[in-house]
Amino acid sequence: YENPYLKPNLDTLKFTRSQINIFGGIKGNLIKKLNYHFSARYTYAKDMPFFMIDTTSLLRNQFDVIYSNVNILNVCANITWQVIDHLYLNFDANYWGYYNLTHISKPFYKPTWEGSFGGKYYYKDQMIFDLNFKLAFDRWELTPLANNNYVINKMRPVLNFDASYEYLINKQFSAFAQVNNIASQYYSKYYDFKNFGLNFIVGVTYSFGDEPLRKTKTKK
């Protein structure tokens, strides 16, 4: 499920149908090793799922689904740049417009604007340093009241900054460490379900096949 906090027995379950889907874009090179890709997509969807807290649950920690027909406009931009040998930067931006909703007034829990910026550096084809910043804002939620009614509120922006390091021991075995939410920003993707603060993961990766874990970045 898109939402992991759905109640176990939904009253209704529908398939989303995209009756109109129009897509166009352009991509190319601004300068050597600087690539761009701009695109836009229009979709008319029937029975698109949106989420609202289930006020009938005892702890109010589960969500129900409400369906709506909607016109969706998505405009996105992507820029990748190989700054120097082994250093790569990536920028993504997305606009999501939800128009003519039939059963709700706002596209609950879906951001209007999303953006990300990342950098990856390969050192001697054995160490990989990775930095990522993600942003999402202009999201709306249904906040339940004591009388089982709801009020519409704007949610806090999503701000997330991660860093990771990976050491390639050989072609099939590596060790890694990852630090998430470095700025320790507390936000909710869904109502009253806050994310973790600063946290980290360490581990190892092993490939059982003949394919190497990472392909070597070569000079062009």
N, C-alpha and C. Protein backbone atom coordinates (compact mmCIF):
# COMPACT_ATOMS: atom_id res chain seq x y z
N TYR A 1 0.82 -1.19 0.00
CA TYR A 1 0.00 0.00 0.00
C TYR A 1 0.87 1.27 0.00
N GLU A 2 0.34 2.31 -0.61
CA GLU A 2 1.03 3.60 -0.54
C GLU A 2 1.06 4.09 0.90
N ASN A 3 -0.02 3.87 1.63
CA ASN A 3 -0.11 4.26 3.03
C ASN A 3 -0.04 3.00 3.89
N PRO A 4 1.02 2.81 4.69
CA PRO A 4 1.15 1.57 5.48
C PRO A 4 0.25 1.53 6.70
N TYR A 5 -0.49 2.60 6.97
CA TYR A 5 -1.31 2.67 8.17
C TYR A 5 -2.80 2.50 7.88
N LEU A 6 -3.15 1.89 6.75
CA LEU A 6 -4.55 1.66 6.41
C LEU A 6 -5.17 0.65 7.38
N LYS A 7 -6.45 0.83 7.65
CA LYS A 7 -7.13 -0.15 8.49
C LYS A 7 -7.22 -1.47 7.74
N PRO A 8 -7.25 -2.59 8.46
CA PRO A 8 -7.13 -3.91 7.81
C PRO A 8 -8.29 -4.26 6.89
N ASN A 9 -9.50 -3.84 7.22
CA ASN A 9 -10.68 -4.21 6.43
C ASN A 9 -11.32 -2.95 5.87
N LEU A 10 -10.93 -2.60 4.65
CA LEU A 10 -11.48 -1.41 4.01
C LEU A 10 -12.92 -1.64 3.60
N ASP A 11 -13.73 -0.59 3.72
CA ASP A 11 -15.13 -0.70 3.33
C ASP A 11 -15.27 -0.86 1.82
N THR A 12 -14.43 -0.16 1.08
CA THR A 12 -14.47 -0.23 -0.38
C THR A 12 -13.04 -0.32 -0.91
N LEU A 13 -12.89 -0.97 -2.04
CA LEU A 13 -11.59 -1.08 -2.68
C LEU A 13 -11.79 -0.95 -4.18
N LYS A 14 -11.19 0.10 -4.76
CA LYS A 14 -11.38 0.39 -6.18
C LYS A 14 -10.04 0.49 -6.88
N PHE A 15 -10.07 0.24 -8.19
CA PHE A 15 -8.90 0.41 -9.02
C PHE A 15 -8.91 1.81 -9.63
N THR A 16 -7.75 2.46 -9.64
CA THR A 16 -7.63 3.77 -10.28
C THR A 16 -7.47 3.57 -11.78
N ARG A 17 -8.27 4.30 -12.54
CA ARG A 17 -8.24 4.19 -14.00
C ARG A 17 -7.81 5.52 -14.60
N SER A 18 -6.75 5.48 -15.38
CA SER A 18 -6.27 6.68 -16.08
C SER A 18 -6.91 6.69 -17.47
N GLN A 19 -7.93 7.54 -17.64
CA GLN A 19 -8.66 7.54 -18.90
C GLN A 19 -8.01 8.43 -19.95
N ILE A 20 -7.27 9.43 -19.52
CA ILE A 20 -6.52 10.29 -20.44
C ILE A 20 -5.11 10.42 -19.89
N ASN A 21 -4.13 10.26 -20.76
CA ASN A 21 -2.73 10.36 -20.33
C ASN A 21 -1.93 10.96 -21.48
N ILE A 22 -1.50 12.20 -21.32
CA ILE A 22 -0.75 12.91 -22.36
C ILE A 22 0.61 13.29 -21.78
N PHE A 23 1.68 12.94 -22.51
CA PHE A 23 3.03 13.15 -22.00
C PHE A 23 3.90 13.77 -23.09
N GLY A 24 4.78 14.67 -22.67
CA GLY A 24 5.74 15.27 -23.59
C GLY A 24 6.95 15.76 -22.84
N GLY A 25 8.08 15.85 -23.54
CA GLY A 25 9.28 16.31 -22.86
C GLY A 25 10.40 16.58 -23.84
N ILE A 26 11.48 17.07 -23.29
CA ILE A 26 12.66 17.38 -24.08
C ILE A 26 13.88 17.11 -23.22
N LYS A 27 14.94 16.58 -23.85
CA LYS A 27 16.18 16.35 -23.13
C LYS A 27 17.36 16.59 -24.05
N GLY A 28 18.50 16.90 -23.44
CA GLY A 28 19.69 17.18 -24.22
C GLY A 28 20.85 17.56 -23.33
N ASN A 29 21.83 18.23 -23.91
CA ASN A 29 23.04 18.64 -23.21
C ASN A 29 23.18 20.15 -23.31
N LEU A 30 23.32 20.82 -22.16
CA LEU A 30 23.60 22.24 -22.18
C LEU A 30 25.06 22.49 -22.53
N ILE A 31 25.92 21.80 -21.85
CA ILE A 31 27.35 21.78 -22.17
C ILE A 31 27.81 20.35 -21.98
N LYS A 32 29.07 20.09 -22.26
CA LYS A 32 29.58 18.74 -22.11
C LYS A 32 29.42 18.26 -20.67
N LYS A 33 28.82 17.08 -20.51
CA LYS A 33 28.62 16.40 -19.22
C LYS A 33 27.58 17.09 -18.35
N LEU A 34 26.80 18.03 -18.92
CA LEU A 34 25.69 18.65 -18.21
C LEU A 34 24.41 18.35 -18.99
N ASN A 35 23.61 17.43 -18.45
CA ASN A 35 22.42 16.94 -19.15
C ASN A 35 21.15 17.48 -18.50
N TYR A 36 20.13 17.69 -19.29
CA TYR A 36 18.84 18.14 -18.77
C TYR A 36 17.72 17.29 -19.36
N HIS A 37 16.63 17.24 -18.61
CA HIS A 37 15.42 16.54 -19.05
C HIS A 37 14.21 17.27 -18.44
N PHE A 38 13.40 17.89 -19.28
CA PHE A 38 12.19 18.58 -18.85
C PHE A 38 10.99 17.86 -19.46
N SER A 39 9.96 17.66 -18.66
CA SER A 39 8.79 16.94 -19.17
C SER A 39 7.53 17.41 -18.45
N ALA A 40 6.39 17.10 -19.06
CA ALA A 40 5.09 17.42 -18.49
C ALA A 40 4.13 16.29 -18.83
N ARG A 41 3.22 16.04 -17.89
CA ARG A 41 2.24 14.97 -18.09
C ARG A 41 0.87 15.44 -17.57
N TYR A 42 -0.14 15.21 -18.39
CA TYR A 42 -1.53 15.46 -17.96
C TYR A 42 -2.27 14.13 -17.89
N THR A 43 -2.96 13.91 -16.77
CA THR A 43 -3.70 12.67 -16.57
C THR A 43 -5.09 12.97 -16.02
N TYR A 44 -6.08 12.32 -16.59
CA TYR A 44 -7.41 12.33 -15.97
C TYR A 44 -7.63 10.95 -15.37
N ALA A 45 -7.74 10.89 -14.04
CA ALA A 45 -7.85 9.63 -13.33
C ALA A 45 -9.19 9.53 -12.62
N LYS A 46 -9.76 8.35 -12.67
CA LYS A 46 -11.00 8.06 -11.95
C LYS A 46 -10.68 7.18 -10.75
N ASP A 47 -11.32 7.48 -9.64
CA ASP A 47 -11.18 6.70 -8.41
C ASP A 47 -9.75 6.68 -7.89
N MET A 48 -9.15 7.86 -7.82
CA MET A 48 -7.81 7.97 -7.23
C MET A 48 -7.94 7.97 -5.71
N PRO A 49 -7.13 7.18 -4.99
CA PRO A 49 -7.28 7.09 -3.53
C PRO A 49 -6.62 8.25 -2.80
N PHE A 50 -7.32 8.75 -1.80
CA PHE A 50 -6.79 9.71 -0.85
C PHE A 50 -7.12 9.18 0.55
N PHE A 51 -6.43 9.71 1.57
CA PHE A 51 -6.52 9.09 2.89
C PHE A 51 -7.04 10.06 3.94
N MET A 52 -7.80 9.50 4.86
CA MET A 52 -8.31 10.27 5.99
C MET A 52 -8.28 9.38 7.22
N ILE A 53 -8.00 9.98 8.38
CA ILE A 53 -7.90 9.21 9.61
C ILE A 53 -9.25 8.60 9.94
N ASP A 54 -9.25 7.36 10.37
CA ASP A 54 -10.49 6.66 10.72
C ASP A 54 -10.87 6.99 12.15
N THR A 55 -11.86 7.85 12.33
CA THR A 55 -12.24 8.29 13.68
C THR A 55 -13.00 7.21 14.45
N THR A 56 -13.39 6.12 13.78
CA THR A 56 -14.09 5.04 14.49
C THR A 56 -13.12 4.09 15.17
N SER A 57 -11.84 4.13 14.81
CA SER A 57 -10.86 3.26 15.47
C SER A 57 -10.58 3.78 16.88
N LEU A 58 -10.30 2.89 17.79
CA LEU A 58 -10.16 3.24 19.20
C LEU A 58 -9.01 4.22 19.42
N LEU A 59 -7.87 3.98 18.81
CA LEU A 59 -6.68 4.81 19.02
C LEU A 59 -6.51 5.88 17.94
N ARG A 60 -7.39 5.88 16.98
CA ARG A 60 -7.28 6.83 15.86
C ARG A 60 -5.90 6.77 15.22
N ASN A 61 -5.44 5.56 14.99
CA ASN A 61 -4.12 5.38 14.39
C ASN A 61 -4.19 4.57 13.10
N GLN A 62 -5.35 4.60 12.45
CA GLN A 62 -5.53 3.92 11.18
C GLN A 62 -6.23 4.86 10.21
N PHE A 63 -6.03 4.58 8.92
CA PHE A 63 -6.58 5.44 7.89
C PHE A 63 -7.61 4.69 7.05
N ASP A 64 -8.59 5.45 6.59
CA ASP A 64 -9.57 4.95 5.62
C ASP A 64 -9.28 5.62 4.28
N VAL A 65 -9.91 5.13 3.24
CA VAL A 65 -9.68 5.62 1.88
C VAL A 65 -10.93 6.31 1.36
N ILE A 66 -10.73 7.44 0.73
CA ILE A 66 -11.80 8.11 0.01
C ILE A 66 -11.33 8.30 -1.43
N TYR A 67 -12.21 8.03 -2.38
CA TYR A 67 -11.83 8.07 -3.80
C TYR A 67 -12.39 9.32 -4.46
N SER A 68 -11.63 9.80 -5.43
CA SER A 68 -12.05 11.01 -6.13
C SER A 68 -11.54 10.97 -7.57
N ASN A 69 -12.35 11.48 -8.48
CA ASN A 69 -11.86 11.73 -9.84
C ASN A 69 -11.05 13.01 -9.82
N VAL A 70 -10.02 13.08 -10.66
CA VAL A 70 -9.12 14.23 -10.57
C VAL A 70 -8.37 14.42 -11.88
N ASN A 71 -8.09 15.68 -12.22
CA ASN A 71 -7.18 16.04 -13.30
C ASN A 71 -5.82 16.34 -12.68
N ILE A 72 -4.77 15.71 -13.18
CA ILE A 72 -3.43 15.84 -12.61
C ILE A 72 -2.48 16.41 -13.65
N LEU A 73 -1.77 17.45 -13.25
CA LEU A 73 -0.72 18.01 -14.09
C LEU A 73 0.60 17.87 -13.34
N ASN A 74 1.55 17.18 -13.96
CA ASN A 74 2.88 16.99 -13.39
C ASN A 74 3.92 17.59 -14.32
N VAL A 75 4.69 18.54 -13.80
CA VAL A 75 5.78 19.16 -14.55
C VAL A 75 7.06 18.86 -13.79
N CYS A 76 8.05 18.29 -14.48
CA CYS A 76 9.27 17.90 -13.78
C CYS A 76 10.50 18.33 -14.56
N ALA A 77 11.57 18.52 -13.80
CA ALA A 77 12.85 18.92 -14.37
C ALA A 77 13.95 18.10 -13.71
N ASN A 78 14.90 17.66 -14.51
CA ASN A 78 16.04 16.90 -14.00
C ASN A 78 17.31 17.41 -14.67
N ILE A 79 18.32 17.67 -13.87
CA ILE A 79 19.62 18.11 -14.37
C ILE A 79 20.69 17.25 -13.72
N THR A 80 21.56 16.66 -14.52
CA THR A 80 22.69 15.88 -14.01
C THR A 80 23.98 16.49 -14.56
N TRP A 81 25.00 16.47 -13.72
CA TRP A 81 26.25 17.14 -14.09
C TRP A 81 27.42 16.35 -13.53
N GLN A 82 28.31 15.96 -14.43
CA GLN A 82 29.58 15.38 -14.00
C GLN A 82 30.57 16.53 -13.88
N VAL A 83 30.73 17.00 -12.65
CA VAL A 83 31.53 18.21 -12.41
C VAL A 83 32.99 17.97 -12.76
N ILE A 84 33.54 16.93 -12.18
CA ILE A 84 34.90 16.49 -12.48
C ILE A 84 34.86 14.97 -12.52
N ASP A 85 35.98 14.36 -12.80
CA ASP A 85 36.03 12.89 -12.80
C ASP A 85 35.61 12.36 -11.44
N HIS A 86 34.63 11.45 -11.46
CA HIS A 86 34.15 10.75 -10.27
C HIS A 86 33.25 11.59 -9.36
N LEU A 87 32.90 12.81 -9.73
CA LEU A 87 31.98 13.63 -8.95
C LEU A 87 30.75 13.93 -9.79
N TYR A 88 29.57 13.51 -9.27
CA TYR A 88 28.32 13.64 -10.01
C TYR A 88 27.29 14.37 -9.15
N LEU A 89 26.60 15.33 -9.75
CA LEU A 89 25.54 16.06 -9.08
C LEU A 89 24.22 15.82 -9.81
N ASN A 90 23.13 15.81 -9.04
CA ASN A 90 21.82 15.56 -9.62
C ASN A 90 20.78 16.47 -8.96
N PHE A 91 19.94 17.09 -9.78
CA PHE A 91 18.88 17.97 -9.28
C PHE A 91 17.56 17.55 -9.89
N ASP A 92 16.53 17.39 -9.04
CA ASP A 92 15.18 17.05 -9.50
C ASP A 92 14.18 18.02 -8.89
N ALA A 93 13.19 18.41 -9.69
CA ALA A 93 12.09 19.26 -9.21
C ALA A 93 10.80 18.78 -9.84
N ASN A 94 9.74 18.75 -9.04
CA ASN A 94 8.43 18.30 -9.51
C ASN A 94 7.33 19.23 -9.02
N TYR A 95 6.42 19.55 -9.92
CA TYR A 95 5.18 20.24 -9.56
C TYR A 95 4.02 19.29 -9.81
N TRP A 96 3.14 19.16 -8.80
CA TRP A 96 1.95 18.32 -8.91
C TRP A 96 0.71 19.20 -8.70
N GLY A 97 -0.10 19.32 -9.74
CA GLY A 97 -1.35 20.06 -9.63
C GLY A 97 -2.53 19.12 -9.71
N TYR A 98 -3.41 19.18 -8.72
CA TYR A 98 -4.60 18.33 -8.67
C TYR A 98 -5.82 19.24 -8.83
N TYR A 99 -6.56 19.05 -9.92
CA TYR A 99 -7.65 19.96 -10.26
C TYR A 99 -8.97 19.20 -10.39
N ASN A 100 -10.06 19.93 -10.11
CA ASN A 100 -11.42 19.41 -10.30
C ASN A 100 -11.64 18.10 -9.53
N LEU A 101 -11.22 18.10 -8.27
CA LEU A 101 -11.50 16.95 -7.40
C LEU A 101 -13.01 16.85 -7.19
N THR A 102 -13.54 15.63 -7.25
CA THR A 102 -15.00 15.47 -7.21
C THR A 102 -15.56 15.26 -5.80
N HIS A 103 -14.81 14.63 -4.90
CA HIS A 103 -15.38 14.29 -3.59
C HIS A 103 -14.62 14.90 -2.42
N ILE A 104 -13.50 15.54 -2.67
CA ILE A 104 -12.74 16.18 -1.62
C ILE A 104 -12.29 17.56 -2.12
N SER A 105 -11.90 18.41 -1.18
CA SER A 105 -11.51 19.78 -1.56
C SER A 105 -10.01 19.95 -1.75
N LYS A 106 -9.20 19.04 -1.16
CA LYS A 106 -7.75 19.11 -1.26
C LYS A 106 -7.18 17.71 -1.53
N PRO A 107 -6.05 17.62 -2.22
CA PRO A 107 -5.41 16.30 -2.43
C PRO A 107 -4.61 15.90 -1.19
N PHE A 108 -5.28 15.37 -0.20
CA PHE A 108 -4.69 15.15 1.11
C PHE A 108 -3.43 14.28 1.05
N TYR A 109 -2.39 14.78 1.75
CA TYR A 109 -1.10 14.12 1.94
C TYR A 109 -0.25 14.04 0.67
N LYS A 110 -0.65 14.71 -0.40
CA LYS A 110 0.15 14.72 -1.62
C LYS A 110 0.76 16.11 -1.80
N PRO A 111 2.07 16.20 -1.92
CA PRO A 111 2.72 17.52 -2.03
C PRO A 111 2.48 18.16 -3.39
N THR A 112 2.42 19.49 -3.38
CA THR A 112 2.35 20.23 -4.64
C THR A 112 3.74 20.39 -5.24
N TRP A 113 4.74 20.58 -4.38
CA TRP A 113 6.11 20.79 -4.84
C TRP A 113 7.04 19.77 -4.19
N GLU A 114 7.91 19.20 -5.00
CA GLU A 114 8.94 18.28 -4.52
C GLU A 114 10.27 18.64 -5.17
N GLY A 115 11.33 18.50 -4.42
CA GLY A 115 12.65 18.76 -4.97
C GLY A 115 13.70 17.92 -4.27
N SER A 116 14.76 17.65 -4.98
CA SER A 116 15.87 16.89 -4.39
C SER A 116 17.18 17.32 -5.04
N PHE A 117 18.22 17.25 -4.24
CA PHE A 117 19.56 17.56 -4.73
C PHE A 117 20.52 16.54 -4.14
N GLY A 118 21.35 15.97 -4.98
CA GLY A 118 22.26 14.94 -4.50
C GLY A 118 23.62 15.04 -5.15
N GLY A 119 24.60 14.53 -4.45
CA GLY A 119 25.96 14.47 -4.97
C GLY A 119 26.60 13.14 -4.61
N LYS A 120 27.34 12.60 -5.55
CA LYS A 120 28.00 11.32 -5.32
C LYS A 120 29.44 11.41 -5.81
N TYR A 121 30.35 10.94 -4.97
CA TYR A 121 31.78 10.99 -5.31
C TYR A 121 32.39 9.59 -5.17
N TYR A 122 33.07 9.16 -6.21
CA TYR A 122 33.76 7.86 -6.24
C TYR A 122 35.26 8.11 -6.05
N TYR A 123 35.81 7.51 -5.01
CA TYR A 123 37.23 7.69 -4.73
C TYR A 123 37.97 6.38 -5.00
N LYS A 124 38.83 6.42 -6.02
CA LYS A 124 39.66 5.28 -6.38
C LYS A 124 38.84 4.01 -6.65
N ASP A 125 37.60 4.21 -7.11
CA ASP A 125 36.72 3.08 -7.47
C ASP A 125 36.52 2.10 -6.31
N GLN A 126 36.75 2.57 -5.08
CA GLN A 126 36.61 1.68 -3.93
C GLN A 126 35.75 2.30 -2.84
N MET A 127 35.70 3.61 -2.78
CA MET A 127 34.89 4.30 -1.77
C MET A 127 33.89 5.21 -2.46
N ILE A 128 32.66 5.23 -1.92
CA ILE A 128 31.59 6.04 -2.49
C ILE A 128 31.02 6.93 -1.38
N PHE A 129 31.05 8.23 -1.60
CA PHE A 129 30.45 9.19 -0.68
C PHE A 129 29.19 9.75 -1.33
N ASP A 130 28.09 9.78 -0.57
CA ASP A 130 26.80 10.17 -1.14
C ASP A 130 26.09 11.14 -0.20
N LEU A 131 25.62 12.26 -0.74
CA LEU A 131 24.85 13.24 0.01
C LEU A 131 23.54 13.49 -0.72
N ASN A 132 22.44 13.58 0.03
CA ASN A 132 21.13 13.80 -0.58
C ASN A 132 20.29 14.73 0.28
N PHE A 133 19.62 15.65 -0.37
CA PHE A 133 18.69 16.57 0.30
C PHE A 133 17.35 16.50 -0.41
N LYS A 134 16.27 16.31 0.35
CA LYS A 134 14.93 16.20 -0.23
C LYS A 134 13.99 17.19 0.45
N LEU A 135 13.09 17.74 -0.36
CA LEU A 135 12.15 18.75 0.10
C LEU A 135 10.79 18.47 -0.51
N ALA A 136 9.74 18.59 0.30
CA ALA A 136 8.36 18.48 -0.19
C ALA A 136 7.49 19.41 0.66
N PHE A 137 6.66 20.21 0.01
CA PHE A 137 5.82 21.12 0.78
C PHE A 137 4.50 21.40 0.05
N ASP A 138 3.68 22.20 0.70
CA ASP A 138 2.31 22.48 0.25
C ASP A 138 1.49 21.19 0.27
N ARG A 139 1.44 20.55 1.46
CA ARG A 139 0.65 19.34 1.68
C ARG A 139 -0.49 19.67 2.64
N TRP A 140 -1.58 18.93 2.52
CA TRP A 140 -2.76 19.17 3.34
C TRP A 140 -3.18 17.89 4.04
N GLU A 141 -3.74 18.06 5.24
CA GLU A 141 -4.22 16.92 6.00
C GLU A 141 -5.61 17.20 6.56
N LEU A 142 -6.32 16.12 6.86
CA LEU A 142 -7.60 16.21 7.56
C LEU A 142 -7.34 15.92 9.04
N THR A 143 -7.53 16.93 9.88
CA THR A 143 -7.32 16.77 11.31
C THR A 143 -8.65 16.46 11.98
N PRO A 144 -8.76 15.31 12.66
CA PRO A 144 -10.04 14.95 13.30
C PRO A 144 -10.31 15.79 14.54
N LEU A 145 -11.59 16.10 14.75
CA LEU A 145 -12.03 16.83 15.93
C LEU A 145 -12.73 15.87 16.90
N ALA A 146 -13.05 16.38 18.08
CA ALA A 146 -13.66 15.53 19.11
C ALA A 146 -15.03 15.01 18.71
N ASN A 147 -15.74 15.77 17.87
CA ASN A 147 -17.10 15.37 17.48
C ASN A 147 -17.12 14.54 16.20
N ASN A 148 -15.97 13.94 15.84
CA ASN A 148 -15.83 13.10 14.66
C ASN A 148 -15.91 13.88 13.35
N ASN A 149 -15.86 15.19 13.42
CA ASN A 149 -15.73 16.00 12.21
C ASN A 149 -14.24 16.24 11.93
N TYR A 150 -13.97 16.92 10.81
CA TYR A 150 -12.60 17.17 10.41
C TYR A 150 -12.40 18.64 10.10
N VAL A 151 -11.14 19.07 10.23
CA VAL A 151 -10.75 20.39 9.79
C VAL A 151 -9.51 20.24 8.90
N ILE A 152 -9.42 21.03 7.85
CA ILE A 152 -8.31 20.95 6.90
C ILE A 152 -7.18 21.85 7.37
N ASN A 153 -5.98 21.28 7.48
CA ASN A 153 -4.80 22.04 7.90
C ASN A 153 -3.65 21.80 6.92
N LYS A 154 -2.79 22.81 6.78
CA LYS A 154 -1.58 22.65 5.97
C LYS A 154 -0.51 21.98 6.83
N MET A 155 0.20 21.01 6.25
CA MET A 155 1.20 20.25 6.98
C MET A 155 2.56 20.92 6.91
N ARG A 156 3.43 20.55 7.83
CA ARG A 156 4.80 21.06 7.82
C ARG A 156 5.53 20.51 6.61
N PRO A 157 6.46 21.28 6.05
CA PRO A 157 7.24 20.78 4.91
C PRO A 157 8.11 19.58 5.31
N VAL A 158 8.40 18.75 4.33
CA VAL A 158 9.32 17.64 4.52
C VAL A 158 10.71 18.13 4.15
N LEU A 159 11.63 18.07 5.10
CA LEU A 159 13.03 18.45 4.89
C LEU A 159 13.90 17.31 5.37
N ASN A 160 14.63 16.72 4.47
CA ASN A 160 15.41 15.55 4.84
C ASN A 160 16.80 15.62 4.21
N PHE A 161 17.82 15.43 5.03
CA PHE A 161 19.21 15.48 4.58
C PHE A 161 19.90 14.21 5.04
N ASP A 162 20.40 13.42 4.07
CA ASP A 162 21.05 12.14 4.36
C ASP A 162 22.48 12.13 3.83
N ALA A 163 23.31 11.31 4.45
CA ALA A 163 24.69 11.11 3.99
C ALA A 163 25.04 9.64 4.16
N SER A 164 25.82 9.13 3.22
CA SER A 164 26.21 7.72 3.32
C SER A 164 27.63 7.53 2.80
N TYR A 165 28.23 6.43 3.25
CA TYR A 165 29.58 6.05 2.83
C TYR A 165 29.57 4.54 2.59
N GLU A 166 30.16 4.14 1.47
CA GLU A 166 30.24 2.72 1.15
C GLU A 166 31.68 2.37 0.75
N TYR A 167 32.18 1.28 1.30
CA TYR A 167 33.53 0.81 0.99
C TYR A 167 33.40 -0.52 0.26
N LEU A 168 33.89 -0.56 -0.98
CA LEU A 168 33.83 -1.76 -1.80
C LEU A 168 35.04 -2.62 -1.50
N ILE A 169 34.83 -3.68 -0.75
CA ILE A 169 35.92 -4.57 -0.36
C ILE A 169 36.40 -5.36 -1.57
N ASN A 170 35.45 -5.87 -2.33
CA ASN A 170 35.75 -6.47 -3.62
C ASN A 170 34.52 -6.29 -4.51
N LYS A 171 34.49 -6.95 -5.65
CA LYS A 171 33.40 -6.72 -6.60
C LYS A 171 32.05 -7.18 -6.09
N GLN A 172 32.04 -8.06 -5.10
CA GLN A 172 30.78 -8.63 -4.63
C GLN A 172 30.49 -8.36 -3.16
N PHE A 173 31.38 -7.67 -2.47
CA PHE A 173 31.21 -7.50 -1.03
C PHE A 173 31.55 -6.06 -0.66
N SER A 174 30.67 -5.43 0.13
CA SER A 174 30.91 -4.05 0.55
C SER A 174 30.35 -3.83 1.95
N ALA A 175 30.85 -2.79 2.59
CA ALA A 175 30.34 -2.35 3.90
C ALA A 175 29.89 -0.91 3.76
N PHE A 176 28.84 -0.53 4.50
CA PHE A 176 28.30 0.82 4.34
C PHE A 176 27.84 1.38 5.68
N ALA A 177 27.75 2.69 5.72
CA ALA A 177 27.17 3.42 6.85
C ALA A 177 26.34 4.56 6.30
N GLN A 178 25.18 4.75 6.88
CA GLN A 178 24.26 5.78 6.39
C GLN A 178 23.67 6.55 7.56
N VAL A 179 23.71 7.88 7.47
CA VAL A 179 23.12 8.76 8.49
C VAL A 179 21.91 9.45 7.87
N ASN A 180 20.76 9.30 8.49
CA ASN A 180 19.52 9.85 7.96
C ASN A 180 19.02 11.02 8.81
N ASN A 181 18.35 11.94 8.15
CA ASN A 181 17.74 13.09 8.83
C ASN A 181 18.78 13.81 9.70
N ILE A 182 19.86 14.23 9.07
CA ILE A 182 20.96 14.86 9.80
C ILE A 182 20.51 16.12 10.53
N ALA A 183 19.58 16.87 9.93
CA ALA A 183 19.09 18.09 10.57
C ALA A 183 18.07 17.80 11.66
N SER A 184 17.73 16.51 11.86
CA SER A 184 16.79 16.09 12.90
C SER A 184 15.47 16.86 12.81
N GLN A 185 14.91 16.91 11.60
CA GLN A 185 13.63 17.56 11.37
C GLN A 185 12.50 16.57 11.63
N TYR A 186 11.53 16.99 12.44
CA TYR A 186 10.38 16.14 12.73
C TYR A 186 9.20 16.60 11.89
N TYR A 187 8.72 15.71 11.06
CA TYR A 187 7.58 16.01 10.20
C TYR A 187 6.74 14.73 10.09
N SER A 188 5.53 14.88 9.60
CA SER A 188 4.63 13.75 9.45
C SER A 188 4.29 13.57 7.98
N LYS A 189 4.50 12.36 7.48
CA LYS A 189 4.03 12.08 6.13
C LYS A 189 2.52 11.91 6.13
N TYR A 190 2.00 11.33 7.23
CA TYR A 190 0.56 11.21 7.44
C TYR A 190 0.23 11.74 8.83
N TYR A 191 -1.01 12.09 9.05
CA TYR A 191 -1.43 12.73 10.28
C TYR A 191 -0.99 11.93 11.51
N ASP A 192 -0.24 12.61 12.41
CA ASP A 192 0.16 12.09 13.71
C ASP A 192 1.12 10.89 13.62
N PHE A 193 1.72 10.67 12.47
CA PHE A 193 2.75 9.64 12.33
C PHE A 193 4.06 10.33 11.99
N LYS A 194 4.77 10.74 13.01
CA LYS A 194 6.01 11.50 12.81
C LYS A 194 7.15 10.58 12.41
N ASN A 195 8.09 11.14 11.67
CA ASN A 195 9.26 10.39 11.24
C ASN A 195 10.26 10.25 12.39
N PHE A 196 11.28 9.44 12.17
CA PHE A 196 12.37 9.33 13.13
C PHE A 196 13.22 10.60 13.07
N GLY A 197 13.84 10.93 14.18
CA GLY A 197 14.81 12.02 14.18
C GLY A 197 16.11 11.54 13.56
N LEU A 198 17.21 12.06 14.05
CA LEU A 198 18.52 11.62 13.58
C LEU A 198 18.69 10.12 13.82
N ASN A 199 19.02 9.38 12.79
CA ASN A 199 19.22 7.94 12.93
C ASN A 199 20.27 7.47 11.93
N PHE A 200 20.80 6.28 12.15
CA PHE A 200 21.85 5.78 11.27
C PHE A 200 21.70 4.28 11.07
N ILE A 201 22.30 3.82 9.99
CA ILE A 201 22.28 2.40 9.62
C ILE A 201 23.70 2.00 9.21
N VAL A 202 24.15 0.86 9.69
CA VAL A 202 25.41 0.28 9.23
C VAL A 202 25.13 -1.15 8.80
N GLY A 203 25.89 -1.62 7.81
CA GLY A 203 25.65 -2.97 7.34
C GLY A 203 26.64 -3.38 6.28
N VAL A 204 26.40 -4.55 5.74
CA VAL A 204 27.22 -5.10 4.66
C VAL A 204 26.31 -5.53 3.53
N THR A 205 26.87 -5.56 2.33
CA THR A 205 26.15 -6.00 1.14
C THR A 205 26.98 -7.06 0.43
N TYR A 206 26.30 -8.12 0.01
CA TYR A 206 26.99 -9.18 -0.71
C TYR A 206 26.16 -9.60 -1.91
N SER A 207 26.79 -9.73 -3.06
CA SER A 207 26.13 -10.18 -4.27
C SER A 207 26.48 -11.65 -4.52
N PHE A 208 25.46 -12.50 -4.61
CA PHE A 208 25.70 -13.93 -4.81
C PHE A 208 25.91 -14.27 -6.29
N GLY A 209 25.55 -13.37 -7.18
CA GLY A 209 25.72 -13.64 -8.60
C GLY A 209 27.08 -13.18 -9.10
N ASP A 210 27.23 -13.22 -10.41
CA ASP A 210 28.50 -12.81 -11.03
C ASP A 210 28.54 -11.31 -11.29
N GLU A 211 27.38 -10.65 -11.23
CA GLU A 211 27.33 -9.22 -11.50
C GLU A 211 27.95 -8.45 -10.33
N PRO A 212 28.87 -7.52 -10.59
CA PRO A 212 29.46 -6.74 -9.48
C PRO A 212 28.46 -5.81 -8.84
N LEU A 213 28.69 -5.46 -7.59
CA LEU A 213 27.79 -4.57 -6.87
C LEU A 213 27.71 -3.20 -7.51
N ARG A 214 28.84 -2.65 -7.92
CA ARG A 214 28.89 -1.34 -8.53
C ARG A 214 29.74 -1.39 -9.78
N LYS A 215 29.28 -0.70 -10.80
CA LYS A 215 30.06 -0.59 -12.01
C LYS A 215 31.09 0.51 -11.86
N THR A 216 32.28 0.28 -12.33
CA THR A 216 33.35 1.25 -12.22
C THR A 216 33.06 2.47 -13.09
N LYS A 217 33.20 3.67 -12.53
CA LYS A 217 33.03 4.90 -13.28
C LYS A 217 34.30 5.17 -14.07
N THR A 218 34.16 5.23 -15.37
CA THR A 218 35.32 5.45 -16.23
C THR A 218 35.29 6.83 -16.80
N LYS A 219 36.46 7.34 -17.13
CA LYS A 219 36.56 8.67 -17.74
C LYS A 219 36.07 8.61 -19.17
N LYS A 220 35.45 9.72 -19.60
CA LYS A 220 34.95 9.82 -20.97
C LYS A 220 35.75 10.88 -21.70
